[in-house]
C-alpha atoms as a PDB file:
ATOM      1  CA  MET A   1      35.085 -77.305 -15.889  1.00  0.00           C
ATOM      2  CA  SER A   2      34.663 -77.348 -19.649  1.00  0.00           C
ATOM      3  CA  LEU A   3      31.653 -78.925 -21.333  1.00  0.00           C
ATOM      4  CA  LYS A   4      33.585 -79.423 -24.568  1.00  0.00           C
ATOM      5  CA  GLY A   5      33.250 -82.988 -25.817  1.00  0.00           C
ATOM      6  CA  LYS A   6      30.982 -84.064 -22.968  1.00  0.00           C
ATOM      7  CA  LYS A   7      27.830 -85.964 -23.907  1.00  0.00           C
ATOM      8  CA  ILE A   8      24.652 -84.570 -22.350  1.00  0.00           C
ATOM      9  CA  LEU A   9      21.150 -85.994 -22.714  1.00  0.00           C
ATOM     10  CA  VAL A  10      18.277 -83.510 -23.017  1.00  0.00           C
ATOM     11  CA  THR A  11      14.787 -85.003 -22.961  1.00  0.00           C
ATOM     12  CA  GLY A  12      12.382 -83.062 -25.136  1.00  0.00           C
ATOM     13  CA  GLY A  13      15.457 -81.382 -26.553  1.00  0.00           C
ATOM     14  CA  ALA A  14      14.080 -80.660 -30.025  1.00  0.00           C
ATOM     15  CA  ILE A  15      11.440 -78.022 -29.376  1.00  0.00           C
ATOM     16  CA  ARG A  16      10.732 -74.879 -27.350  1.00  0.00           C
ATOM     17  CA  VAL A  17      12.786 -74.538 -24.159  1.00  0.00           C
ATOM     18  CA  GLY A  18      14.375 -77.944 -24.713  1.00  0.00           C
ATOM     19  CA  LYS A  19      15.736 -76.771 -28.051  1.00  0.00           C
ATOM     20  CA  ALA A  20      17.159 -73.638 -26.447  1.00  0.00           C
ATOM     21  CA  ILE A  21      18.884 -75.823 -23.861  1.00  0.00           C
ATOM     22  CA  SER A  22      20.311 -78.090 -26.565  1.00  0.00           C
ATOM     23  CA  LEU A  23      21.653 -75.171 -28.605  1.00  0.00           C
ATOM     24  CA  GLY A  24      23.074 -73.505 -25.502  1.00  0.00           C
ATOM     25  CA  LEU A  25      25.017 -76.663 -24.647  1.00  0.00           C
ATOM     26  CA  ALA A  26      26.284 -76.965 -28.215  1.00  0.00           C
ATOM     27  CA  LYS A  27      27.608 -73.399 -28.097  1.00  0.00           C
ATOM     28  CA  HIS A  28      29.891 -74.539 -25.294  1.00  0.00           C
ATOM     29  CA  GLY A  29      31.098 -77.584 -27.206  1.00  0.00           C
ATOM     30  CA  ALA A  30      28.938 -80.263 -25.598  1.00  0.00           C
ATOM     31  CA  GLU A  31      27.771 -83.228 -27.647  1.00  0.00           C
ATOM     32  CA  VAL A  32      23.986 -83.203 -27.262  1.00  0.00           C
ATOM     33  CA  ILE A  33      21.823 -86.302 -27.173  1.00  0.00           C
ATOM     34  CA  ILE A  34      18.354 -85.101 -28.145  1.00  0.00           C
ATOM     35  CA  ASN A  35      15.391 -87.171 -27.044  1.00  0.00           C
ATOM     36  CA  PHE A  36      12.153 -86.628 -28.966  1.00  0.00           C
ATOM     37  CA  ASN A  37       8.896 -88.485 -29.437  1.00  0.00           C
ATOM     38  CA  THR A  38       6.844 -87.228 -32.394  1.00  0.00           C
ATOM     39  CA  SER A  39       8.855 -84.089 -33.285  1.00  0.00           C
ATOM     40  CA  SER A  40      11.196 -85.796 -35.741  1.00  0.00           C
ATOM     41  CA  ASP A  41      11.351 -82.852 -38.161  1.00  0.00           C
ATOM     42  CA  SER A  42      12.174 -80.439 -35.337  1.00  0.00           C
ATOM     43  CA  ALA A  43      14.768 -82.886 -34.004  1.00  0.00           C
ATOM     44  CA  LYS A  44      16.515 -83.034 -37.381  1.00  0.00           C
ATOM     45  CA  GLU A  45      16.432 -79.240 -37.641  1.00  0.00           C
ATOM     46  CA  THR A  46      17.951 -78.878 -34.180  1.00  0.00           C
ATOM     47  CA  GLU A  47      20.585 -81.476 -35.066  1.00  0.00           C
ATOM     48  CA  GLN A  48      21.577 -79.428 -38.124  1.00  0.00           C
ATOM     49  CA  GLN A  49      21.791 -76.229 -36.070  1.00  0.00           C
ATOM     50  CA  ILE A  50      24.034 -77.952 -33.545  1.00  0.00           C
ATOM     51  CA  GLN A  51      26.284 -79.224 -36.318  1.00  0.00           C
ATOM     52  CA  ALA A  52      26.448 -75.676 -37.723  1.00  0.00           C
ATOM     53  CA  LEU A  53      27.799 -74.608 -34.325  1.00  0.00           C
ATOM     54  CA  GLY A  54      30.627 -77.119 -34.736  1.00  0.00           C
ATOM     55  CA  SER A  55      29.356 -79.672 -32.262  1.00  0.00           C
ATOM     56  CA  LYS A  56      27.772 -83.112 -32.443  1.00  0.00           C
ATOM     57  CA  ALA A  57      24.152 -84.168 -31.966  1.00  0.00           C
ATOM     58  CA  PHE A  58      22.589 -87.593 -31.578  1.00  0.00           C
ATOM     59  CA  LEU A  59      18.857 -88.193 -31.986  1.00  0.00           C
ATOM     60  CA  VAL A  60      17.052 -90.793 -29.883  1.00  0.00           C
ATOM     61  CA  GLN A  61      13.322 -91.375 -30.190  1.00  0.00           C
ATOM     62  CA  ALA A  62      11.299 -92.506 -27.179  1.00  0.00           C
ATOM     63  CA  ASP A  63       7.783 -92.141 -25.873  1.00  0.00           C
ATOM     64  CA  LEU A  64       8.276 -91.134 -22.241  1.00  0.00           C
ATOM     65  CA  SER A  65       4.706 -92.169 -21.419  1.00  0.00           C
ATOM     66  CA  ASP A  66       5.825 -95.772 -21.968  1.00  0.00           C
ATOM     67  CA  ALA A  67       8.254 -97.155 -19.363  1.00  0.00           C
ATOM     68  CA  THR A  68       9.514 -99.802 -21.793  1.00  0.00           C
ATOM     69  CA  SER A  69      10.265 -97.158 -24.424  1.00  0.00           C
ATOM     70  CA  VAL A  70      12.266 -95.190 -21.849  1.00  0.00           C
ATOM     71  CA  ASN A  71      14.299 -98.253 -20.905  1.00  0.00           C
ATOM     72  CA  ASN A  72      14.972 -99.054 -24.569  1.00  0.00           C
ATOM     73  CA  MET A  73      16.131 -95.479 -25.179  1.00  0.00           C
ATOM     74  CA  MET A  74      18.638 -95.655 -22.344  1.00  0.00           C
ATOM     75  CA  GLU A  75      19.979 -98.967 -23.638  1.00  0.00           C
ATOM     76  CA  GLU A  76      20.416 -97.331 -27.056  1.00  0.00           C
ATOM     77  CA  ILE A  77      22.239 -94.399 -25.490  1.00  0.00           C
ATOM     78  CA  LYS A  78      24.704 -96.813 -23.889  1.00  0.00           C
ATOM     79  CA  GLU A  79      26.098 -97.464 -27.363  1.00  0.00           C
ATOM     80  CA  LEU A  80      27.090 -93.798 -27.677  1.00  0.00           C
ATOM     81  CA  GLY A  81      29.552 -94.049 -24.806  1.00  0.00           C
ATOM     82  CA  THR A  82      29.572 -92.536 -21.357  1.00  0.00           C
ATOM     83  CA  ILE A  83      27.432 -89.459 -20.831  1.00  0.00           C
ATOM     84  CA  PHE A  84      28.296 -86.707 -18.386  1.00  0.00           C
ATOM     85  CA  ALA A  85      24.884 -85.304 -17.559  1.00  0.00           C
ATOM     86  CA  VAL A  86      21.135 -85.688 -17.918  1.00  0.00           C
ATOM     87  CA  ILE A  87      18.662 -82.834 -18.212  1.00  0.00           C
ATOM     88  CA  ASN A  88      15.136 -84.072 -17.530  1.00  0.00           C
ATOM     89  CA  ASN A  89      13.277 -81.378 -19.421  1.00  0.00           C
ATOM     90  CA  ALA A  90      10.402 -83.125 -21.234  1.00  0.00           C
ATOM     91  CA  SER A  91       6.969 -82.829 -19.670  1.00  0.00           C
ATOM     92  CA  ILE A  92       3.288 -82.449 -20.433  1.00  0.00           C
ATOM     93  CA  PHE A  93       1.317 -79.459 -19.169  1.00  0.00           C
ATOM     94  CA  GLU A  94      -2.379 -80.259 -19.081  1.00  0.00           C
ATOM     95  CA  ASN A  95      -4.864 -77.708 -17.764  1.00  0.00           C
ATOM     96  CA  LEU A  96      -7.001 -80.034 -15.644  1.00  0.00           C
ATOM     97  CA  SER A  97      -8.756 -79.314 -12.372  1.00  0.00           C
ATOM     98  CA  PHE A  98      -9.024 -81.834  -9.538  1.00  0.00           C
ATOM     99  CA  ALA A  99     -12.520 -82.811 -10.701  1.00  0.00           C
ATOM    100  CA  GLU A 100     -11.428 -83.141 -14.343  1.00  0.00           C
ATOM    101  CA  THR A 101      -8.457 -85.367 -13.531  1.00  0.00           C
ATOM    102  CA  ASP A 102      -9.235 -89.024 -14.254  1.00  0.00           C
ATOM    103  CA  ILE A 103      -6.952 -91.956 -13.576  1.00  0.00           C
ATOM    104  CA  ASP A 104      -5.598 -91.954 -17.139  1.00  0.00           C
ATOM    105  CA  SER A 105      -4.548 -88.280 -17.060  1.00  0.00           C
ATOM    106  CA  TRP A 106      -3.183 -88.761 -13.539  1.00  0.00           C
ATOM    107  CA  ASN A 107      -1.014 -91.700 -14.594  1.00  0.00           C
ATOM    108  CA  ARG A 108       0.057 -89.982 -17.820  1.00  0.00           C
ATOM    109  CA  ASN A 109       1.342 -86.911 -15.963  1.00  0.00           C
ATOM    110  CA  LEU A 110       3.100 -88.992 -13.318  1.00  0.00           C
ATOM    111  CA  GLN A 111       4.760 -91.249 -15.894  1.00  0.00           C
ATOM    112  CA  ILE A 112       6.077 -88.486 -18.167  1.00  0.00           C
ATOM    113  CA  ASN A 113       6.847 -85.819 -15.564  1.00  0.00           C
ATOM    114  CA  LEU A 114       8.084 -87.944 -12.665  1.00  0.00           C
ATOM    115  CA  THR A 115       8.600 -91.637 -13.401  1.00  0.00           C
ATOM    116  CA  ALA A 116      10.520 -91.141 -16.656  1.00  0.00           C
ATOM    117  CA  PRO A 117      13.049 -88.781 -14.975  1.00  0.00           C
ATOM    118  CA  PHE A 118      13.522 -91.416 -12.258  1.00  0.00           C
ATOM    119  CA  GLN A 119      14.056 -94.184 -14.830  1.00  0.00           C
ATOM    120  CA  ILE A 120      16.438 -92.095 -16.921  1.00  0.00           C
ATOM    121  CA  SER A 121      18.441 -90.964 -13.889  1.00  0.00           C
ATOM    122  CA  GLN A 122      18.734 -94.517 -12.582  1.00  0.00           C
ATOM    123  CA  HIS A 123      19.963 -95.828 -15.947  1.00  0.00           C
ATOM    124  CA  PHE A 124      22.410 -92.925 -16.177  1.00  0.00           C
ATOM    125  CA  THR A 125      23.937 -93.537 -12.752  1.00  0.00           C
ATOM    126  CA  LYS A 126      24.329 -97.248 -13.436  1.00  0.00           C
ATOM    127  CA  GLN A 127      26.377 -96.467 -16.546  1.00  0.00           C
ATOM    128  CA  LEU A 128      28.952 -94.488 -14.592  1.00  0.00           C
ATOM    129  CA  SER A 129      32.035 -96.121 -13.097  1.00  0.00           C
ATOM    130  CA  PRO A 130      32.248 -96.047  -9.268  1.00  0.00           C
ATOM    131  CA  ASN A 131      34.291 -92.849  -9.046  1.00  0.00           C
ATOM    132  CA  GLN A 132      33.040 -91.068 -12.146  1.00  0.00           C
ATOM    133  CA  LYS A 133      31.502 -87.613 -11.815  1.00  0.00           C
ATOM    134  CA  GLY A 134      28.142 -86.732 -13.261  1.00  0.00           C
ATOM    135  CA  ARG A 135      25.292 -84.239 -13.006  1.00  0.00           C
ATOM    136  CA  ILE A 136      21.527 -84.322 -13.215  1.00  0.00           C
ATOM    137  CA  ILE A 137      19.250 -81.318 -13.734  1.00  0.00           C
ATOM    138  CA  ASN A 138      15.488 -81.661 -13.348  1.00  0.00           C
ATOM    139  CA  ILE A 139      13.303 -79.000 -14.928  1.00  0.00           C
ATOM    140  CA  LEU A 140      10.513 -78.016 -12.551  1.00  0.00           C
ATOM    141  CA  ASP A 141       7.901 -75.277 -12.301  1.00  0.00           C
ATOM    142  CA  TRP A 142       7.352 -72.630  -9.651  1.00  0.00           C
ATOM    143  CA  ARG A 143       4.078 -74.459  -8.944  1.00  0.00           C
ATOM    144  CA  ALA A 144       6.068 -77.458  -7.717  1.00  0.00           C
ATOM    145  CA  LEU A 145       7.091 -75.537  -4.601  1.00  0.00           C
ATOM    146  CA  ARG A 146       3.669 -73.899  -4.171  1.00  0.00           C
ATOM    147  CA  PRO A 147       1.136 -76.520  -5.253  1.00  0.00           C
ATOM    148  CA  GLY A 148      -2.314 -75.142  -5.973  1.00  0.00           C
ATOM    149  CA  LYS A 149      -5.542 -76.213  -7.605  1.00  0.00           C
ATOM    150  CA  ASP A 150      -4.752 -75.394 -11.232  1.00  0.00           C
ATOM    151  CA  HIS A 151      -3.126 -77.866 -13.649  1.00  0.00           C
ATOM    152  CA  PHE A 152      -3.717 -80.431 -10.928  1.00  0.00           C
ATOM    153  CA  PRO A 153      -1.955 -83.619 -12.125  1.00  0.00           C
ATOM    154  CA  TYR A 154       0.878 -81.590 -13.673  1.00  0.00           C
ATOM    155  CA  THR A 155       1.489 -79.665 -10.456  1.00  0.00           C
ATOM    156  CA  ILE A 156       1.475 -82.798  -8.314  1.00  0.00           C
ATOM    157  CA  SER A 157       3.880 -84.569 -10.670  1.00  0.00           C
ATOM    158  CA  LYS A 158       6.272 -81.611 -10.566  1.00  0.00           C
ATOM    159  CA  ALA A 159       6.016 -81.452  -6.775  1.00  0.00           C
ATOM    160  CA  GLY A 160       7.023 -85.102  -6.797  1.00  0.00           C
ATOM    161  CA  LEU A 161       9.947 -84.256  -9.074  1.00  0.00           C
ATOM    162  CA  ALA A 162      11.083 -81.626  -6.578  1.00  0.00           C
ATOM    163  CA  GLY A 163      11.106 -84.324  -3.901  1.00  0.00           C
ATOM    164  CA  LEU A 164      12.933 -86.708  -6.217  1.00  0.00           C
ATOM    165  CA  THR A 165      15.570 -84.041  -6.878  1.00  0.00           C
ATOM    166  CA  LYS A 166      16.406 -83.698  -3.207  1.00  0.00           C
ATOM    167  CA  ALA A 167      16.230 -87.425  -2.481  1.00  0.00           C
ATOM    168  CA  MET A 168      18.518 -88.281  -5.416  1.00  0.00           C
ATOM    169  CA  ALA A 169      20.960 -85.567  -4.379  1.00  0.00           C
ATOM    170  CA  ALA A 170      21.362 -87.326  -1.040  1.00  0.00           C
ATOM    171  CA  ALA A 171      21.410 -90.815  -2.535  1.00  0.00           C
ATOM    172  CA  LEU A 172      23.906 -90.102  -5.317  1.00  0.00           C
ATOM    173  CA  ALA A 173      26.419 -87.955  -3.435  1.00  0.00           C
ATOM    174  CA  PRO A 174      29.323 -87.388  -3.549  1.00  0.00           C
ATOM    175  CA  ASN A 175      30.026 -88.096  -7.225  1.00  0.00           C
ATOM    176  CA  ILE A 176      26.754 -87.011  -8.819  1.00  0.00           C
ATOM    177  CA  SER A 177      25.172 -83.642  -8.125  1.00  0.00           C
ATOM    178  CA  VAL A 178      21.431 -83.298  -8.620  1.00  0.00           C
ATOM    179  CA  ASN A 179      19.694 -79.937  -8.867  1.00  0.00           C
ATOM    180  CA  GLY A 180      16.514 -78.460 -10.269  1.00  0.00           C
ATOM    181  CA  ILE A 181      15.386 -75.308 -12.034  1.00  0.00           C
ATOM    182  CA  ALA A 182      11.837 -74.112 -11.364  1.00  0.00           C
ATOM    183  CA  PHE A 183      10.639 -72.211 -14.408  1.00  0.00           C
ATOM    184  CA  GLY A 184       8.113 -69.424 -14.560  1.00  0.00           C
ATOM    185  CA  ALA A 185       7.084 -67.545 -17.709  1.00  0.00           C
ATOM    186  CA  ILE A 186       9.730 -68.697 -20.182  1.00  0.00           C
ATOM    187  CA  LEU A 187       7.792 -68.940 -23.462  1.00  0.00           C
ATOM    188  CA  PRO A 188       4.158 -68.116 -24.356  1.00  0.00           C
ATOM    189  CA  PRO A 189       1.834 -71.147 -24.511  1.00  0.00           C
ATOM    190  CA  SER A 190       2.258 -73.288 -27.622  1.00  0.00           C
ATOM    191  CA  ASP A 191      -1.515 -73.420 -28.119  1.00  0.00           C
ATOM    192  CA  GLY A 192      -1.584 -69.705 -28.921  1.00  0.00           C
ATOM    193  CA  GLY A 193      -3.586 -68.803 -25.832  1.00  0.00           C
ATOM    194  CA  ASN A 194      -3.523 -65.277 -24.458  1.00  0.00           C
ATOM    195  CA  ALA A 195      -0.779 -65.131 -21.866  1.00  0.00           C
ATOM    196  CA  ASP A 196      -0.429 -61.351 -21.498  1.00  0.00           C
ATOM    197  CA  ASN A 197      -2.040 -61.421 -18.058  1.00  0.00           C
ATOM    198  CA  LEU A 198       0.720 -63.724 -16.812  1.00  0.00           C
ATOM    199  CA  ILE A 199       3.225 -60.894 -16.845  1.00  0.00           C
ATOM    200  CA  ASP A 200       1.067 -58.885 -14.446  1.00  0.00           C
ATOM    201  CA  GLU A 201       1.727 -61.576 -11.815  1.00  0.00           C
ATOM    202  CA  ILE A 202       5.524 -61.531 -12.208  1.00  0.00           C
ATOM    203  CA  PRO A 203       7.571 -59.098 -10.096  1.00  0.00           C
ATOM    204  CA  ALA A 204      10.203 -58.885 -12.855  1.00  0.00           C
ATOM    205  CA  GLY A 205       7.466 -57.714 -15.215  1.00  0.00           C
ATOM    206  CA  ARG A 206       8.600 -59.640 -18.285  1.00  0.00           C
ATOM    207  CA  TRP A 207       9.138 -62.990 -19.936  1.00  0.00           C
ATOM    208  CA  ALA A 208      12.447 -64.741 -19.405  1.00  0.00           C
ATOM    209  CA  GLU A 209      15.173 -64.552 -22.002  1.00  0.00           C
ATOM    210  CA  LEU A 210      16.182 -67.947 -23.383  1.00  0.00           C
ATOM    211  CA  GLU A 211      19.787 -66.959 -22.791  1.00  0.00           C
ATOM    212  CA  GLU A 212      18.952 -66.798 -19.074  1.00  0.00           C
ATOM    213  CA  VAL A 213      17.802 -70.411 -19.255  1.00  0.00           C
ATOM    214  CA  GLN A 214      21.006 -71.406 -21.048  1.00  0.00           C
ATOM    215  CA  ASN A 215      23.186 -69.580 -18.527  1.00  0.00           C
ATOM    216  CA  THR A 216      21.475 -71.238 -15.560  1.00  0.00           C
ATOM    217  CA  ILE A 217      21.865 -74.673 -17.134  1.00  0.00           C
ATOM    218  CA  LYS A 218      25.547 -74.021 -17.792  1.00  0.00           C
ATOM    219  CA  PHE A 219      26.115 -72.855 -14.217  1.00  0.00           C
ATOM    220  CA  LEU A 220      24.670 -76.077 -12.820  1.00  0.00           C
ATOM    221  CA  LEU A 221      26.722 -78.188 -15.232  1.00  0.00           C
ATOM    222  CA  ASP A 222      30.138 -76.576 -14.954  1.00  0.00           C
ATOM    223  CA  GLY A 223      29.787 -74.692 -11.674  1.00  0.00           C
ATOM    224  CA  PRO A 224      30.661 -75.877  -8.166  1.00  0.00           C
ATOM    225  CA  GLU A 225      30.189 -79.575  -7.458  1.00  0.00           C
ATOM    226  CA  TYR A 226      29.413 -78.568  -3.884  1.00  0.00           C
ATOM    227  CA  ILE A 227      25.964 -77.379  -4.973  1.00  0.00           C
ATOM    228  CA  THR A 228      23.518 -80.283  -4.845  1.00  0.00           C
ATOM    229  CA  GLY A 229      19.895 -80.728  -3.859  1.00  0.00           C
ATOM    230  CA  GLU A 230      19.093 -77.127  -4.751  1.00  0.00           C
ATOM    231  CA  ILE A 231      16.136 -75.844  -6.746  1.00  0.00           C
ATOM    232  CA  ILE A 232      16.755 -72.496  -8.422  1.00  0.00           C
ATOM    233  CA  HIS A 233      13.691 -70.423  -9.253  1.00  0.00           C
ATOM    234  CA  LEU A 234      14.056 -68.941 -12.731  1.00  0.00           C
ATOM    235  CA  ASP A 235      10.649 -67.275 -12.635  1.00  0.00           C
ATOM    236  CA  GLY A 236      11.156 -63.557 -12.188  1.00  0.00           C
ATOM    237  CA  GLY A 237       9.921 -63.851  -8.594  1.00  0.00           C
ATOM    238  CA  ARG A 238       6.589 -65.456  -9.492  1.00  0.00           C
ATOM    239  CA  HIS A 239       6.796 -67.892  -6.567  1.00  0.00           C
ATOM    240  CA  LEU A 240       6.939 -64.972  -4.118  1.00  0.00           C
ATOM    241  CA  ILE A 241       3.377 -63.738  -4.617  1.00  0.00           C
END
């Protein structure tokens, strides 16, 4: 299957790993719909880079912490025509313990990391004709499959997203495949914190290459339709120890 000319929505597609995903799709001819919230300058820069690759980009602003904003974004996307796939990449990663987690941080993590992907996926599937094919990829974290005490509301929200991935795969078959990618050490923290000790905990002994992220995304988009409900660990074996 070719991705050329296919419209693909990437939430948080303007910065960091999301930007790498957007550019990787553009290299294969996909038309990328980039969702962003406050990163308008980065979104415009990514749009220009996609255009330089000979593909098309569309920018859609939405605050994923607001359910109404998410719904409005998906209504706006309708005007662009039918989309082939959704990549639920955007998330927040707050370093909160169980004791530090209040109801506001709990709800914020659940809304952005779990509820928004549900809303977006539901809108997406409703836009497809009865026999039309489509794909959904949810970006997870190795913690989602091994929940622990750190980053408490984030981890629980991603564990919920893992469950949503499998449940949607069953609910949306046979025309829509739904899979997840559980990331490990992809990029150093954006806050500039010391992350050197993270590598000591990774069997592969290194950070991921962004090209490895792009290749995994492409495989799940143009690979076998018979793969659904799977969660691929792209974490250098971090989940094993």
